[in-house]
């Protein structure tokens, strides 16, 4: 089932999320809903606070090739174990900021550790779009947004556009 995606400036997007701890049927259902929502949007990542759940969980699938099989990753209580000194700039967007993009510089490679839906600890290296996405989604769990990584003028411009868009949607 797809869930509605919160739009900036919803205050829940700025809240740090609580650890999940144990994998329960509710967490499994949330992950399934989030994957369905992400694919329908369409997007490459989605964090629980974006659907109004303040828990440390995100999903991602950066296989953008429609011919390639889906490669969903569900991270519960994720953390960055290490990050490269080398940086990568990527034009980021966010499902909570429709049609808004900005270049964000982040470590080019990260090693992530998380609990999987199988209840086991996983660790994996990510690079390219996968590394960018993992860091972007992890930021959501800490109440940080991609606009926090850009200059004040561009951040203010995107914030104003989103406030205007939300007002127009409320009137519709």
C-alpha atoms as a PDB file:
ATOM      1  CA  UNK A   1       0.000   0.000   0.000  1.00  0.00           C
ATOM      2  CA  UNK A   2       1.338   3.451  -0.831  1.00  0.00           C
ATOM      3  CA  UNK A   3       1.387   6.153   1.814  1.00  0.00           C
ATOM      4  CA  UNK A   4       1.196   9.940   1.439  1.00  0.00           C
ATOM      5  CA  UNK A   5       4.598  11.646   1.393  1.00  0.00           C
ATOM      6  CA  UNK A   6       5.025  14.638   3.701  1.00  0.00           C
ATOM      7  CA  UNK A   7       6.050  17.838   1.964  1.00  0.00           C
ATOM      8  CA  UNK A   8       8.473  20.420   3.327  1.00  0.00           C
ATOM      9  CA  UNK A   9       8.020  22.460   5.546  1.00  0.00           C
ATOM     10  CA  UNK A  10       6.153  19.760   7.554  1.00  0.00           C
ATOM     11  CA  UNK A  11       7.789  19.929  11.028  1.00  0.00           C
ATOM     12  CA  UNK A  12       8.038  16.117  11.276  1.00  0.00           C
ATOM     13  CA  UNK A  13      10.757  16.252   8.586  1.00  0.00           C
ATOM     14  CA  UNK A  14      12.983  18.118  11.078  1.00  0.00           C
ATOM     15  CA  UNK A  15      12.662  15.619  13.938  1.00  0.00           C
ATOM     16  CA  UNK A  16      15.334  13.080  14.888  1.00  0.00           C
ATOM     17  CA  UNK A  17      13.917   9.553  14.754  1.00  0.00           C
ATOM     18  CA  UNK A  18      13.845   6.900  17.467  1.00  0.00           C
ATOM     19  CA  UNK A  19      15.710   3.599  17.050  1.00  0.00           C
ATOM     20  CA  UNK A  20      13.555   0.708  15.865  1.00  0.00           C
ATOM     21  CA  UNK A  21      15.315  -2.015  17.867  1.00  0.00           C
ATOM     22  CA  UNK A  22      13.355  -5.189  17.098  1.00  0.00           C
ATOM     23  CA  UNK A  23      11.991  -6.232  13.706  1.00  0.00           C
ATOM     24  CA  UNK A  24       8.227  -6.684  14.103  1.00  0.00           C
ATOM     25  CA  UNK A  25       5.419  -7.417  11.630  1.00  0.00           C
ATOM     26  CA  UNK A  26       4.572  -3.676  11.821  1.00  0.00           C
ATOM     27  CA  UNK A  27       8.123  -2.746  10.748  1.00  0.00           C
ATOM     28  CA  UNK A  28       7.968  -5.295   7.903  1.00  0.00           C
ATOM     29  CA  UNK A  29       4.635  -3.811   6.755  1.00  0.00           C
ATOM     30  CA  UNK A  30       6.029  -0.263   6.991  1.00  0.00           C
ATOM     31  CA  UNK A  31       9.043  -1.263   4.858  1.00  0.00           C
ATOM     32  CA  UNK A  32       6.775  -2.875   2.230  1.00  0.00           C
ATOM     33  CA  UNK A  33       4.559   0.241   2.131  1.00  0.00           C
ATOM     34  CA  UNK A  34       7.602   2.499   1.863  1.00  0.00           C
ATOM     35  CA  UNK A  35       9.028   0.501  -1.057  1.00  0.00           C
ATOM     36  CA  UNK A  36       5.649   0.635  -2.837  1.00  0.00           C
ATOM     37  CA  UNK A  37       5.452   4.396  -2.177  1.00  0.00           C
ATOM     38  CA  UNK A  38       9.044   4.991  -3.372  1.00  0.00           C
ATOM     39  CA  UNK A  39       8.561   3.030  -6.600  1.00  0.00           C
ATOM     40  CA  UNK A  40       5.195   4.721  -7.303  1.00  0.00           C
ATOM     41  CA  UNK A  41       6.567   8.249  -6.720  1.00  0.00           C
ATOM     42  CA  UNK A  42       9.006   7.388  -8.508  1.00  0.00           C
ATOM     43  CA  UNK A  43      12.118   7.844  -6.389  1.00  0.00           C
ATOM     44  CA  UNK A  44      15.340   6.058  -5.440  1.00  0.00           C
ATOM     45  CA  UNK A  45      15.023   6.428  -1.655  1.00  0.00           C
ATOM     46  CA  UNK A  46      12.464   7.110   1.062  1.00  0.00           C
ATOM     47  CA  UNK A  47      12.888   7.555   4.812  1.00  0.00           C
ATOM     48  CA  UNK A  48      10.230   6.718   7.420  1.00  0.00           C
ATOM     49  CA  UNK A  49       9.768  10.348   8.565  1.00  0.00           C
ATOM     50  CA  UNK A  50       8.765  11.221   4.994  1.00  0.00           C
ATOM     51  CA  UNK A  51       5.651   9.091   5.520  1.00  0.00           C
ATOM     52  CA  UNK A  52       5.094  10.470   9.023  1.00  0.00           C
ATOM     53  CA  UNK A  53       6.757   7.646  11.003  1.00  0.00           C
ATOM     54  CA  UNK A  54       9.548   8.892  13.276  1.00  0.00           C
ATOM     55  CA  UNK A  55      11.535   5.638  13.268  1.00  0.00           C
ATOM     56  CA  UNK A  56      15.100   4.982  12.066  1.00  0.00           C
ATOM     57  CA  UNK A  57      14.292   3.132   8.856  1.00  0.00           C
ATOM     58  CA  UNK A  58      14.775   3.889   5.173  1.00  0.00           C
ATOM     59  CA  UNK A  59      14.469   2.120   1.851  1.00  0.00           C
ATOM     60  CA  UNK A  60      16.381   2.664  -1.365  1.00  0.00           C
ATOM     61  CA  UNK A  61      16.852   1.214  -4.830  1.00  0.00           C
ATOM     62  CA  UNK A  62      19.217   3.104  -7.107  1.00  0.00           C
ATOM     63  CA  UNK A  63      18.847   0.750 -10.103  1.00  0.00           C
ATOM     64  CA  UNK A  64      17.427   3.328 -12.499  1.00  0.00           C
ATOM     65  CA  UNK A  65      17.649   1.084 -15.593  1.00  0.00           C
ATOM     66  CA  UNK A  66      14.077  -0.112 -16.305  1.00  0.00           C
ATOM     67  CA  UNK A  67      15.525  -3.314 -17.827  1.00  0.00           C
ATOM     68  CA  UNK A  68      17.472  -4.156 -14.648  1.00  0.00           C
ATOM     69  CA  UNK A  69      15.821  -6.118 -11.865  1.00  0.00           C
ATOM     70  CA  UNK A  70      14.819  -4.176  -8.791  1.00  0.00           C
ATOM     71  CA  UNK A  71      17.431  -4.151  -6.018  1.00  0.00           C
ATOM     72  CA  UNK A  72      15.624  -2.836  -2.920  1.00  0.00           C
ATOM     73  CA  UNK A  73      17.602  -2.258   0.260  1.00  0.00           C
ATOM     74  CA  UNK A  74      15.791  -1.816   3.592  1.00  0.00           C
ATOM     75  CA  UNK A  75      17.929  -0.335   6.369  1.00  0.00           C
ATOM     76  CA  UNK A  76      16.732  -0.421   9.973  1.00  0.00           C
ATOM     77  CA  UNK A  77      18.757   1.571  12.524  1.00  0.00           C
ATOM     78  CA  UNK A  78      21.439   2.396   9.909  1.00  0.00           C
ATOM     79  CA  UNK A  79      24.768   4.069  10.594  1.00  0.00           C
ATOM     80  CA  UNK A  80      27.800   5.134   8.593  1.00  0.00           C
ATOM     81  CA  UNK A  81      30.791   3.013   9.635  1.00  0.00           C
ATOM     82  CA  UNK A  82      33.251   4.897   7.431  1.00  0.00           C
ATOM     83  CA  UNK A  83      33.250   7.480   4.677  1.00  0.00           C
ATOM     84  CA  UNK A  84      35.815   8.264   2.002  1.00  0.00           C
ATOM     85  CA  UNK A  85      37.796  11.485   2.027  1.00  0.00           C
ATOM     86  CA  UNK A  86      37.065  11.730  -1.694  1.00  0.00           C
ATOM     87  CA  UNK A  87      33.930  13.762  -2.365  1.00  0.00           C
ATOM     88  CA  UNK A  88      31.251  13.562  -5.005  1.00  0.00           C
ATOM     89  CA  UNK A  89      28.826  16.291  -6.093  1.00  0.00           C
ATOM     90  CA  UNK A  90      25.385  15.118  -7.183  1.00  0.00           C
ATOM     91  CA  UNK A  91      22.253  16.970  -8.251  1.00  0.00           C
ATOM     92  CA  UNK A  92      19.942  15.807  -5.454  1.00  0.00           C
ATOM     93  CA  UNK A  93      16.199  15.906  -5.286  1.00  0.00           C
ATOM     94  CA  UNK A  94      13.819  14.677  -2.615  1.00  0.00           C
ATOM     95  CA  UNK A  95      10.284  13.287  -2.674  1.00  0.00           C
ATOM     96  CA  UNK A  96       9.398  15.789   0.080  1.00  0.00           C
ATOM     97  CA  UNK A  97      10.551  18.611  -2.258  1.00  0.00           C
ATOM     98  CA  UNK A  98       8.851  17.843  -5.616  1.00  0.00           C
ATOM     99  CA  UNK A  99      10.668  19.286  -8.633  1.00  0.00           C
ATOM    100  CA  UNK A 100      13.356  20.959  -6.485  1.00  0.00           C
ATOM    101  CA  UNK A 101      17.005  20.063  -7.067  1.00  0.00           C
ATOM    102  CA  UNK A 102      20.369  21.288  -5.832  1.00  0.00           C
ATOM    103  CA  UNK A 103      23.952  20.151  -6.126  1.00  0.00           C
ATOM    104  CA  UNK A 104      25.113  18.562  -2.856  1.00  0.00           C
ATOM    105  CA  UNK A 105      28.657  17.422  -2.085  1.00  0.00           C
ATOM    106  CA  UNK A 106      29.047  14.328   0.087  1.00  0.00           C
ATOM    107  CA  UNK A 107      31.644  11.573   0.584  1.00  0.00           C
ATOM    108  CA  UNK A 108      31.933   9.540  -2.636  1.00  0.00           C
ATOM    109  CA  UNK A 109      31.913   6.201  -0.799  1.00  0.00           C
ATOM    110  CA  UNK A 110      30.411   5.040   2.492  1.00  0.00           C
ATOM    111  CA  UNK A 111      30.349   1.807   4.454  1.00  0.00           C
ATOM    112  CA  UNK A 112      26.936   1.378   6.061  1.00  0.00           C
ATOM    113  CA  UNK A 113      25.861  -0.935   8.896  1.00  0.00           C
ATOM    114  CA  UNK A 114      22.202  -1.705   9.565  1.00  0.00           C
ATOM    115  CA  UNK A 115      19.740  -4.316  10.730  1.00  0.00           C
ATOM    116  CA  UNK A 116      17.903  -6.052   7.906  1.00  0.00           C
ATOM    117  CA  UNK A 117      14.325  -7.277   7.961  1.00  0.00           C
ATOM    118  CA  UNK A 118      15.878 -10.703   8.666  1.00  0.00           C
ATOM    119  CA  UNK A 119      16.917  -9.316  12.076  1.00  0.00           C
ATOM    120  CA  UNK A 120      20.623  -9.701  11.243  1.00  0.00           C
ATOM    121  CA  UNK A 121      23.335  -7.053  11.151  1.00  0.00           C
ATOM    122  CA  UNK A 122      24.474  -6.151   7.623  1.00  0.00           C
ATOM    123  CA  UNK A 123      27.437  -4.134   6.417  1.00  0.00           C
ATOM    124  CA  UNK A 124      28.104  -3.001   2.850  1.00  0.00           C
ATOM    125  CA  UNK A 125      30.103  -0.469   0.846  1.00  0.00           C
ATOM    126  CA  UNK A 126      28.225   1.936  -1.408  1.00  0.00           C
ATOM    127  CA  UNK A 127      29.503   4.335  -4.051  1.00  0.00           C
ATOM    128  CA  UNK A 128      28.066   6.607  -6.731  1.00  0.00           C
ATOM    129  CA  UNK A 129      24.339   7.275  -6.530  1.00  0.00           C
ATOM    130  CA  UNK A 130      23.951   4.508  -3.918  1.00  0.00           C
ATOM    131  CA  UNK A 131      26.353   6.320  -1.532  1.00  0.00           C
ATOM    132  CA  UNK A 132      24.631   9.663  -2.123  1.00  0.00           C
ATOM    133  CA  UNK A 133      21.199   8.130  -1.549  1.00  0.00           C
ATOM    134  CA  UNK A 134      22.228   6.292   1.641  1.00  0.00           C
ATOM    135  CA  UNK A 135      23.632   9.521   3.120  1.00  0.00           C
ATOM    136  CA  UNK A 136      20.598  11.564   2.004  1.00  0.00           C
ATOM    137  CA  UNK A 137      18.176   9.094   3.622  1.00  0.00           C
ATOM    138  CA  UNK A 138      20.277   8.782   6.796  1.00  0.00           C
ATOM    139  CA  UNK A 139      20.145  12.596   7.077  1.00  0.00           C
ATOM    140  CA  UNK A 140      16.318  12.350   7.118  1.00  0.00           C
ATOM    141  CA  UNK A 141      16.518  10.092  10.183  1.00  0.00           C
ATOM    142  CA  UNK A 142      18.487  12.825  11.960  1.00  0.00           C
ATOM    143  CA  UNK A 143      16.101  15.635  10.981  1.00  0.00           C
ATOM    144  CA  UNK A 144      18.476  16.964   8.298  1.00  0.00           C
ATOM    145  CA  UNK A 145      17.423  17.727   4.745  1.00  0.00           C
ATOM    146  CA  UNK A 146      19.382  18.076   1.518  1.00  0.00           C
ATOM    147  CA  UNK A 147      18.805  21.843   1.593  1.00  0.00           C
ATOM    148  CA  UNK A 148      20.907  21.953   4.788  1.00  0.00           C
ATOM    149  CA  UNK A 149      23.944  21.141   2.607  1.00  0.00           C
ATOM    150  CA  UNK A 150      23.545  24.067   0.198  1.00  0.00           C
ATOM    151  CA  UNK A 151      24.123  27.807   0.354  1.00  0.00           C
ATOM    152  CA  UNK A 152      21.671  30.085   2.166  1.00  0.00           C
ATOM    153  CA  UNK A 153      20.362  31.829  -0.988  1.00  0.00           C
ATOM    154  CA  UNK A 154      19.484  28.589  -2.795  1.00  0.00           C
ATOM    155  CA  UNK A 155      18.069  27.095   0.442  1.00  0.00           C
ATOM    156  CA  UNK A 156      15.827  30.133   0.956  1.00  0.00           C
ATOM    157  CA  UNK A 157      14.666  30.023  -2.674  1.00  0.00           C
ATOM    158  CA  UNK A 158      13.696  26.323  -2.434  1.00  0.00           C
ATOM    159  CA  UNK A 159      12.033  26.866   0.971  1.00  0.00           C
ATOM    160  CA  UNK A 160       9.915  29.713  -0.433  1.00  0.00           C
ATOM    161  CA  UNK A 161       8.897  27.637  -3.477  1.00  0.00           C
ATOM    162  CA  UNK A 162       7.836  24.755  -1.231  1.00  0.00           C
ATOM    163  CA  UNK A 163       5.838  27.000   1.112  1.00  0.00           C
ATOM    164  CA  UNK A 164       4.046  28.480  -1.911  1.00  0.00           C
ATOM    165  CA  UNK A 165       3.420  25.013  -3.408  1.00  0.00           C
ATOM    166  CA  UNK A 166       1.921  23.748  -0.121  1.00  0.00           C
ATOM    167  CA  UNK A 167      -0.363  26.805   0.073  1.00  0.00           C
ATOM    168  CA  UNK A 168      -1.560  26.210  -3.474  1.00  0.00           C
ATOM    169  CA  UNK A 169      -2.176  22.509  -2.769  1.00  0.00           C
ATOM    170  CA  UNK A 170      -4.146  23.402   0.367  1.00  0.00           C
ATOM    171  CA  UNK A 171      -6.392  25.710  -1.704  1.00  0.00           C
ATOM    172  CA  UNK A 172      -6.977  23.092  -4.435  1.00  0.00           C
END
